[in-house]
Amino acid sequence: MSTARPPHASPDDDVAGLGYEQARDELVTVVARLEAGAGTLEEALALWERGQALAARCQEWLDGARARLAGATPGAAAPGGTTAGDGDARTGPPPGAHDGTRNSGTQNEATT
């Protein structure tokens, strides 16, 4: 007996409830089926869409893990390759950071 879905439900609605390992394992299976040549074009498209949803779910888990690590570990790598607290072009350097280009508090002798 199959479970009936509401008319607005997508076959990928269950992806949101998957853990990382579950989503990754199913994604591996989907990719293998696509590489082996899934039956009809419609079946291949359905597999592709499922794979996209699974890949997005895996990325959500990875992004969440990176954020947790960055918050828990001083100096941990943050998304985008910067380390937590380094600052970047969007936020600037952290307070008190000196990069050698700022006035260190002494007057420049060339200015009057």
N, C-alpha and C. Protein backbone atom coordinates (compact mmCIF):
# COMPACT_ATOMS: atom_id res chain seq x y z
N MET A 1 0.84 -1.17 0.00
CA MET A 1 0.00 0.00 0.00
C MET A 1 0.89 1.24 0.00
N SER A 2 0.68 2.16 -0.93
CA SER A 2 1.50 3.36 -1.00
C SER A 2 0.88 4.47 -0.16
N THR A 3 1.77 5.36 0.29
CA THR A 3 1.26 6.47 1.08
C THR A 3 0.85 7.58 0.14
N ALA A 4 -0.32 8.12 0.34
CA ALA A 4 -0.82 9.20 -0.52
C ALA A 4 -0.21 10.51 -0.06
N ARG A 5 0.15 11.34 -1.03
CA ARG A 5 0.70 12.65 -0.75
C ARG A 5 -0.35 13.70 -1.02
N PRO A 6 -0.32 14.78 -0.28
CA PRO A 6 -1.20 15.89 -0.63
C PRO A 6 -0.84 16.39 -2.04
N PRO A 7 -1.79 16.97 -2.77
CA PRO A 7 -1.52 17.39 -4.14
C PRO A 7 -0.36 18.37 -4.27
N HIS A 8 -0.10 19.18 -3.25
CA HIS A 8 0.96 20.18 -3.31
C HIS A 8 2.31 19.63 -2.87
N ALA A 9 2.36 18.40 -2.43
CA ALA A 9 3.61 17.84 -1.91
C ALA A 9 4.56 17.48 -3.04
N SER A 10 5.82 17.69 -2.81
CA SER A 10 6.87 17.35 -3.76
C SER A 10 7.50 16.03 -3.34
N PRO A 11 8.02 15.27 -4.29
CA PRO A 11 8.69 14.02 -3.92
C PRO A 11 9.93 14.27 -3.05
N ASP A 12 10.40 15.50 -3.01
CA ASP A 12 11.60 15.83 -2.24
C ASP A 12 11.29 16.47 -0.89
N ASP A 13 10.02 16.51 -0.50
CA ASP A 13 9.65 17.11 0.77
C ASP A 13 10.32 16.43 1.96
N ASP A 14 10.61 15.14 1.86
CA ASP A 14 11.22 14.42 2.97
C ASP A 14 12.70 14.72 3.13
N VAL A 15 13.32 15.37 2.16
CA VAL A 15 14.76 15.65 2.22
C VAL A 15 15.09 16.54 3.41
N ALA A 16 14.23 17.46 3.75
CA ALA A 16 14.49 18.39 4.85
C ALA A 16 14.67 17.67 6.18
N GLY A 17 14.12 16.50 6.32
CA GLY A 17 14.24 15.76 7.57
C GLY A 17 15.41 14.80 7.63
N LEU A 18 16.21 14.75 6.56
CA LEU A 18 17.33 13.80 6.52
C LEU A 18 18.56 14.36 7.23
N GLY A 19 19.27 13.47 7.89
CA GLY A 19 20.57 13.81 8.46
C GLY A 19 21.60 13.85 7.35
N TYR A 20 22.79 14.36 7.67
CA TYR A 20 23.84 14.48 6.66
C TYR A 20 24.19 13.13 6.04
N GLU A 21 24.45 12.14 6.86
CA GLU A 21 24.86 10.83 6.35
C GLU A 21 23.79 10.19 5.49
N GLN A 22 22.53 10.33 5.91
CA GLN A 22 21.42 9.77 5.12
C GLN A 22 21.34 10.45 3.75
N ALA A 23 21.42 11.77 3.74
CA ALA A 23 21.34 12.51 2.48
C ALA A 23 22.53 12.19 1.59
N ARG A 24 23.73 12.12 2.17
CA ARG A 24 24.93 11.80 1.39
C ARG A 24 24.85 10.41 0.79
N ASP A 25 24.43 9.42 1.59
CA ASP A 25 24.34 8.05 1.09
C ASP A 25 23.32 7.94 -0.04
N GLU A 26 22.18 8.60 0.12
CA GLU A 26 21.18 8.55 -0.94
C GLU A 26 21.68 9.28 -2.19
N LEU A 27 22.40 10.38 -2.00
CA LEU A 27 22.96 11.11 -3.14
C LEU A 27 23.93 10.23 -3.92
N VAL A 28 24.75 9.47 -3.22
CA VAL A 28 25.68 8.54 -3.88
C VAL A 28 24.90 7.54 -4.73
N THR A 29 23.80 7.03 -4.19
CA THR A 29 22.96 6.07 -4.92
C THR A 29 22.34 6.72 -6.15
N VAL A 30 21.85 7.95 -6.00
CA VAL A 30 21.24 8.66 -7.12
C VAL A 30 22.27 8.88 -8.24
N VAL A 31 23.46 9.31 -7.88
CA VAL A 31 24.51 9.55 -8.87
C VAL A 31 24.86 8.25 -9.60
N ALA A 32 24.98 7.16 -8.85
CA ALA A 32 25.29 5.87 -9.48
C ALA A 32 24.21 5.46 -10.47
N ARG A 33 22.95 5.68 -10.10
CA ARG A 33 21.84 5.34 -11.01
C ARG A 33 21.86 6.21 -12.25
N LEU A 34 22.17 7.48 -12.09
CA LEU A 34 22.25 8.36 -13.26
C LEU A 34 23.42 7.96 -14.16
N GLU A 35 24.56 7.64 -13.56
CA GLU A 35 25.72 7.23 -14.35
C GLU A 35 25.48 5.92 -15.08
N ALA A 36 24.67 5.04 -14.48
CA ALA A 36 24.36 3.76 -15.10
C ALA A 36 23.34 3.91 -16.23
N GLY A 37 22.71 5.05 -16.31
CA GLY A 37 21.70 5.28 -17.34
C GLY A 37 20.31 4.95 -16.84
N ALA A 38 19.71 5.91 -16.17
CA ALA A 38 18.36 5.73 -15.65
C ALA A 38 17.40 5.58 -16.81
N GLY A 39 16.51 4.63 -16.74
CA GLY A 39 15.51 4.31 -17.76
C GLY A 39 15.12 5.41 -18.71
N THR A 40 14.00 6.04 -18.47
CA THR A 40 13.46 7.04 -19.37
C THR A 40 14.00 8.42 -19.03
N LEU A 41 13.77 9.35 -19.93
CA LEU A 41 14.16 10.73 -19.68
C LEU A 41 13.46 11.26 -18.44
N GLU A 42 12.20 10.94 -18.29
CA GLU A 42 11.43 11.40 -17.12
C GLU A 42 12.04 10.86 -15.82
N GLU A 43 12.44 9.60 -15.83
CA GLU A 43 13.08 9.02 -14.64
C GLU A 43 14.41 9.69 -14.35
N ALA A 44 15.18 9.96 -15.40
CA ALA A 44 16.47 10.63 -15.22
C ALA A 44 16.28 12.03 -14.66
N LEU A 45 15.27 12.75 -15.15
CA LEU A 45 15.01 14.10 -14.63
C LEU A 45 14.57 14.05 -13.17
N ALA A 46 13.75 13.09 -12.83
CA ALA A 46 13.31 12.95 -11.43
C ALA A 46 14.51 12.64 -10.53
N LEU A 47 15.41 11.78 -10.99
CA LEU A 47 16.61 11.47 -10.21
C LEU A 47 17.49 12.71 -10.07
N TRP A 48 17.64 13.45 -11.16
CA TRP A 48 18.46 14.66 -11.13
C TRP A 48 17.90 15.65 -10.10
N GLU A 49 16.59 15.85 -10.12
CA GLU A 49 15.96 16.77 -9.18
C GLU A 49 16.15 16.29 -7.74
N ARG A 50 16.01 15.00 -7.53
CA ARG A 50 16.22 14.44 -6.20
C ARG A 50 17.67 14.66 -5.76
N GLY A 51 18.58 14.43 -6.68
CA GLY A 51 20.00 14.65 -6.38
C GLY A 51 20.30 16.09 -6.02
N GLN A 52 19.68 17.03 -6.73
CA GLN A 52 19.86 18.45 -6.42
C GLN A 52 19.38 18.76 -5.00
N ALA A 53 18.22 18.23 -4.65
CA ALA A 53 17.66 18.45 -3.31
C ALA A 53 18.56 17.83 -2.25
N LEU A 54 19.07 16.64 -2.52
CA LEU A 54 19.96 15.96 -1.56
C LEU A 54 21.27 16.72 -1.40
N ALA A 55 21.82 17.19 -2.51
CA ALA A 55 23.08 17.95 -2.44
C ALA A 55 22.88 19.24 -1.65
N ALA A 56 21.75 19.91 -1.85
CA ALA A 56 21.47 21.13 -1.10
C ALA A 56 21.35 20.83 0.39
N ARG A 57 20.72 19.72 0.74
CA ARG A 57 20.59 19.33 2.15
C ARG A 57 21.95 19.05 2.77
N CYS A 58 22.81 18.35 2.04
CA CYS A 58 24.16 18.10 2.54
C CYS A 58 24.89 19.42 2.77
N GLN A 59 24.75 20.36 1.83
CA GLN A 59 25.42 21.65 1.98
C GLN A 59 24.89 22.41 3.20
N GLU A 60 23.60 22.30 3.47
CA GLU A 60 23.04 22.94 4.67
C GLU A 60 23.71 22.39 5.93
N TRP A 61 23.86 21.07 5.98
CA TRP A 61 24.51 20.44 7.14
C TRP A 61 25.96 20.91 7.26
N LEU A 62 26.68 20.95 6.15
CA LEU A 62 28.08 21.37 6.19
C LEU A 62 28.22 22.83 6.59
N ASP A 63 27.36 23.69 6.06
CA ASP A 63 27.39 25.10 6.44
C ASP A 63 27.10 25.28 7.93
N GLY A 64 26.13 24.52 8.43
CA GLY A 64 25.81 24.59 9.86
C GLY A 64 26.97 24.13 10.73
N ALA A 65 27.64 23.07 10.28
CA ALA A 65 28.79 22.56 11.04
C ALA A 65 29.93 23.59 11.05
N ARG A 66 30.18 24.23 9.89
CA ARG A 66 31.24 25.25 9.84
C ARG A 66 30.90 26.42 10.76
N ALA A 67 29.66 26.83 10.76
CA ALA A 67 29.25 27.94 11.62
C ALA A 67 29.43 27.59 13.10
N ARG A 68 29.07 26.37 13.45
CA ARG A 68 29.24 25.94 14.85
C ARG A 68 30.71 25.91 15.23
N LEU A 69 31.55 25.40 14.34
CA LEU A 69 32.99 25.36 14.62
C LEU A 69 33.57 26.76 14.73
N ALA A 70 33.18 27.63 13.83
CA ALA A 70 33.69 29.00 13.86
C ALA A 70 33.28 29.70 15.15
N GLY A 71 32.09 29.42 15.63
CA GLY A 71 31.63 30.05 16.86
C GLY A 71 32.26 29.46 18.10
N ALA A 72 32.67 28.21 18.03
CA ALA A 72 33.20 27.53 19.20
C ALA A 72 34.72 27.56 19.28
N THR A 73 35.38 27.84 18.16
CA THR A 73 36.83 27.77 18.12
C THR A 73 37.41 29.12 17.71
N PRO A 74 38.09 29.82 18.63
CA PRO A 74 38.72 31.08 18.25
C PRO A 74 39.75 30.83 17.15
N GLY A 75 39.68 31.64 16.10
CA GLY A 75 40.63 31.51 15.00
C GLY A 75 40.27 30.42 14.01
N ALA A 76 39.10 29.78 14.17
CA ALA A 76 38.70 28.73 13.24
C ALA A 76 38.34 29.34 11.89
N ALA A 77 38.54 28.58 10.84
CA ALA A 77 38.21 29.07 9.50
C ALA A 77 36.71 29.26 9.38
N ALA A 78 36.33 30.42 8.91
CA ALA A 78 34.92 30.74 8.68
C ALA A 78 34.62 30.53 7.20
N PRO A 79 33.35 30.41 6.83
CA PRO A 79 33.02 30.27 5.41
C PRO A 79 33.64 31.41 4.61
N GLY A 80 34.18 31.11 3.46
CA GLY A 80 34.81 32.11 2.63
C GLY A 80 36.31 32.16 2.79
N GLY A 81 36.87 31.34 3.68
CA GLY A 81 38.31 31.24 3.80
C GLY A 81 38.94 32.16 4.82
N THR A 82 38.19 33.09 5.41
CA THR A 82 38.78 33.95 6.43
C THR A 82 38.73 33.22 7.75
N THR A 83 39.55 33.63 8.68
CA THR A 83 39.45 33.04 10.00
C THR A 83 38.56 33.92 10.85
N ALA A 84 37.88 33.31 11.78
CA ALA A 84 36.96 34.05 12.63
C ALA A 84 37.72 35.17 13.31
N GLY A 85 37.22 36.39 13.18
CA GLY A 85 37.86 37.54 13.82
C GLY A 85 38.84 38.26 12.94
N ASP A 86 39.19 37.71 11.75
CA ASP A 86 40.13 38.38 10.86
C ASP A 86 39.49 39.57 10.18
N GLY A 87 38.18 39.51 9.99
CA GLY A 87 37.50 40.54 9.23
C GLY A 87 37.70 40.28 7.74
N ASP A 88 36.96 40.99 6.93
CA ASP A 88 37.10 40.88 5.49
C ASP A 88 36.63 42.18 4.87
N ALA A 89 36.52 42.21 3.57
CA ALA A 89 36.14 43.43 2.88
C ALA A 89 34.76 43.93 3.29
N ARG A 90 33.89 43.04 3.72
CA ARG A 90 32.54 43.45 4.10
C ARG A 90 32.49 44.01 5.52
N THR A 91 33.28 43.47 6.40
CA THR A 91 33.17 43.86 7.80
C THR A 91 34.36 44.63 8.31
N GLY A 92 35.48 44.59 7.61
CA GLY A 92 36.68 45.26 8.07
C GLY A 92 37.38 44.44 9.13
N PRO A 93 38.51 44.92 9.60
CA PRO A 93 39.28 44.18 10.60
C PRO A 93 38.59 44.22 11.95
N PRO A 94 38.91 43.27 12.81
CA PRO A 94 38.35 43.29 14.15
C PRO A 94 38.88 44.48 14.93
N PRO A 95 38.17 44.89 15.95
CA PRO A 95 38.62 46.03 16.76
C PRO A 95 40.03 45.80 17.31
N GLY A 96 40.84 46.85 17.24
CA GLY A 96 42.18 46.77 17.79
C GLY A 96 43.20 46.12 16.86
N ALA A 97 42.79 45.69 15.67
CA ALA A 97 43.73 45.06 14.75
C ALA A 97 44.61 46.11 14.11
N HIS A 98 45.87 45.79 13.96
CA HIS A 98 46.82 46.70 13.33
C HIS A 98 47.46 45.96 12.17
N ASP A 99 47.38 46.58 11.00
CA ASP A 99 47.97 45.94 9.83
C ASP A 99 49.18 46.70 9.31
N GLY A 100 49.67 47.66 10.07
CA GLY A 100 50.85 48.40 9.67
C GLY A 100 50.53 49.62 8.84
N THR A 101 49.31 49.80 8.41
CA THR A 101 48.96 50.96 7.59
C THR A 101 48.21 52.02 8.37
N ARG A 102 47.86 51.74 9.58
CA ARG A 102 47.11 52.69 10.39
C ARG A 102 48.06 53.54 11.24
N ASN A 103 47.59 54.71 11.57
CA ASN A 103 48.33 55.59 12.45
C ASN A 103 48.42 54.94 13.82
N SER A 104 49.59 54.79 14.34
CA SER A 104 49.77 54.10 15.61
C SER A 104 49.57 55.01 16.81
N GLY A 105 49.12 56.23 16.57
CA GLY A 105 48.91 57.16 17.68
C GLY A 105 49.94 58.24 17.74
N THR A 106 51.00 58.14 16.97
CA THR A 106 52.00 59.20 16.93
C THR A 106 51.74 60.07 15.73
N GLN A 107 52.11 61.33 15.81
CA GLN A 107 51.92 62.25 14.72
C GLN A 107 52.98 62.01 13.65
N ASN A 108 52.55 62.10 12.40
CA ASN A 108 53.45 61.97 11.30
C ASN A 108 54.23 63.27 11.23
N GLU A 109 55.55 63.22 11.16
CA GLU A 109 56.37 64.43 11.17
C GLU A 109 56.13 65.27 9.93
N ALA A 110 55.63 64.71 8.85
CA ALA A 110 55.42 65.47 7.62
C ALA A 110 54.19 66.36 7.71
N THR A 111 53.29 66.09 8.62
CA THR A 111 52.08 66.91 8.75
C THR A 111 52.31 68.00 9.77
N THR A 112 51.71 69.13 9.53
CA THR A 112 51.87 70.23 10.48
C THR A 112 50.59 70.60 11.12
